[in-house]
Amino acid sequence: MTRKSEPVAPAPVSPDPGGVADYIVTDTAPPRVAGRRVAAGDILQLTEDQARSELIALHIRPAV
């Protein structure tokens, strides 16, 4: 007896991350901020959770 295979559904696509804001890398930042290689003046798009500790350490500042 041959078994019919069922169609495979595509993996769900995650929605766009909400609450993302732009942050500017400061001169005092190390080579990696929020797990990304950066240079002073780079702009990162981070969620509030991703940015929290980097803001406290003064590695980034909000882009205005």
C-alpha atoms as a PDB file:
ATOM      1  CA  MET A   1       0.000   0.000   0.000  1.00  0.00           C
ATOM      2  CA  THR A   2       1.381   3.375  -1.027  1.00  0.00           C
ATOM      3  CA  ARG A   3       1.062   6.220   1.388  1.00  0.00           C
ATOM      4  CA  LYS A   4       0.165   9.651   0.054  1.00  0.00           C
ATOM      5  CA  SER A   5       2.313  12.421   1.403  1.00  0.00           C
ATOM      6  CA  GLU A   6       0.577  15.457   2.791  1.00  0.00           C
ATOM      7  CA  PRO A   7       1.544  18.891   1.511  1.00  0.00           C
ATOM      8  CA  VAL A   8       4.063  20.657   3.677  1.00  0.00           C
ATOM      9  CA  ALA A   9       2.988  24.055   4.964  1.00  0.00           C
ATOM     10  CA  PRO A  10       5.588  26.830   4.745  1.00  0.00           C
ATOM     11  CA  ALA A  11       7.145  28.007   7.993  1.00  0.00           C
ATOM     12  CA  PRO A  12       5.380  30.988   9.504  1.00  0.00           C
ATOM     13  CA  VAL A  13       7.040  34.320   8.852  1.00  0.00           C
ATOM     14  CA  SER A  14       7.640  36.444  11.912  1.00  0.00           C
ATOM     15  CA  PRO A  15       6.124  39.905  11.765  1.00  0.00           C
ATOM     16  CA  ASP A  16       8.231  43.033  11.604  1.00  0.00           C
ATOM     17  CA  PRO A  17       9.696  43.762  15.011  1.00  0.00           C
ATOM     18  CA  GLY A  18       7.646  46.448  16.672  1.00  0.00           C
ATOM     19  CA  GLY A  19       9.057  49.186  18.810  1.00  0.00           C
ATOM     20  CA  VAL A  20      12.329  49.540  16.919  1.00  0.00           C
ATOM     21  CA  ALA A  21      14.156  52.850  17.281  1.00  0.00           C
ATOM     22  CA  ASP A  22      17.361  54.354  15.878  1.00  0.00           C
ATOM     23  CA  TYR A  23      20.401  54.751  18.138  1.00  0.00           C
ATOM     24  CA  ILE A  24      23.768  56.346  17.383  1.00  0.00           C
ATOM     25  CA  VAL A  25      26.969  54.619  18.504  1.00  0.00           C
ATOM     26  CA  THR A  26      29.057  56.897  20.745  1.00  0.00           C
ATOM     27  CA  ASP A  27      32.827  57.474  20.746  1.00  0.00           C
ATOM     28  CA  THR A  28      33.178  55.483  23.975  1.00  0.00           C
ATOM     29  CA  ALA A  29      31.573  52.326  22.559  1.00  0.00           C
ATOM     30  CA  PRO A  30      33.569  49.092  22.244  1.00  0.00           C
ATOM     31  CA  PRO A  31      33.954  47.360  18.847  1.00  0.00           C
ATOM     32  CA  ARG A  32      30.737  45.388  19.453  1.00  0.00           C
ATOM     33  CA  VAL A  33      27.442  46.863  20.599  1.00  0.00           C
ATOM     34  CA  ALA A  34      24.318  44.730  21.004  1.00  0.00           C
ATOM     35  CA  GLY A  35      26.221  41.853  19.391  1.00  0.00           C
ATOM     36  CA  ARG A  36      27.082  43.808  16.243  1.00  0.00           C
ATOM     37  CA  ARG A  37      30.403  45.141  14.994  1.00  0.00           C
ATOM     38  CA  VAL A  38      30.205  48.928  15.022  1.00  0.00           C
ATOM     39  CA  ALA A  39      32.177  52.146  14.715  1.00  0.00           C
ATOM     40  CA  ALA A  40      31.471  55.496  16.343  1.00  0.00           C
ATOM     41  CA  GLY A  41      28.676  57.311  14.530  1.00  0.00           C
ATOM     42  CA  ASP A  42      26.991  54.160  13.170  1.00  0.00           C
ATOM     43  CA  ILE A  43      23.213  54.021  13.462  1.00  0.00           C
ATOM     44  CA  LEU A  44      21.647  50.876  14.917  1.00  0.00           C
ATOM     45  CA  GLN A  45      17.993  49.930  14.887  1.00  0.00           C
ATOM     46  CA  LEU A  46      17.260  48.241  18.213  1.00  0.00           C
ATOM     47  CA  THR A  47      14.273  47.356  20.349  1.00  0.00           C
ATOM     48  CA  GLU A  48      14.025  48.847  23.814  1.00  0.00           C
ATOM     49  CA  ASP A  49      15.182  45.549  25.348  1.00  0.00           C
ATOM     50  CA  GLN A  50      18.205  45.339  23.025  1.00  0.00           C
ATOM     51  CA  ALA A  51      19.199  48.933  23.748  1.00  0.00           C
ATOM     52  CA  ARG A  52      18.699  49.040  27.513  1.00  0.00           C
ATOM     53  CA  SER A  53      22.136  47.936  28.760  1.00  0.00           C
ATOM     54  CA  GLU A  54      23.977  49.741  25.957  1.00  0.00           C
ATOM     55  CA  LEU A  55      22.210  52.993  26.900  1.00  0.00           C
ATOM     56  CA  ILE A  56      23.166  52.535  30.563  1.00  0.00           C
ATOM     57  CA  ALA A  57      26.804  51.923  29.545  1.00  0.00           C
ATOM     58  CA  LEU A  58      26.671  55.054  27.316  1.00  0.00           C
ATOM     59  CA  HIS A  59      27.668  53.038  24.242  1.00  0.00           C
ATOM     60  CA  ILE A  60      24.692  54.412  22.300  1.00  0.00           C
ATOM     61  CA  ARG A  61      22.369  57.405  22.426  1.00  0.00           C
ATOM     62  CA  PRO A  62      18.943  57.882  20.901  1.00  0.00           C
ATOM     63  CA  ALA A  63      18.921  59.429  17.436  1.00  0.00           C
ATOM     64  CA  VAL A  64      16.782  62.542  17.550  1.00  0.00           C
END
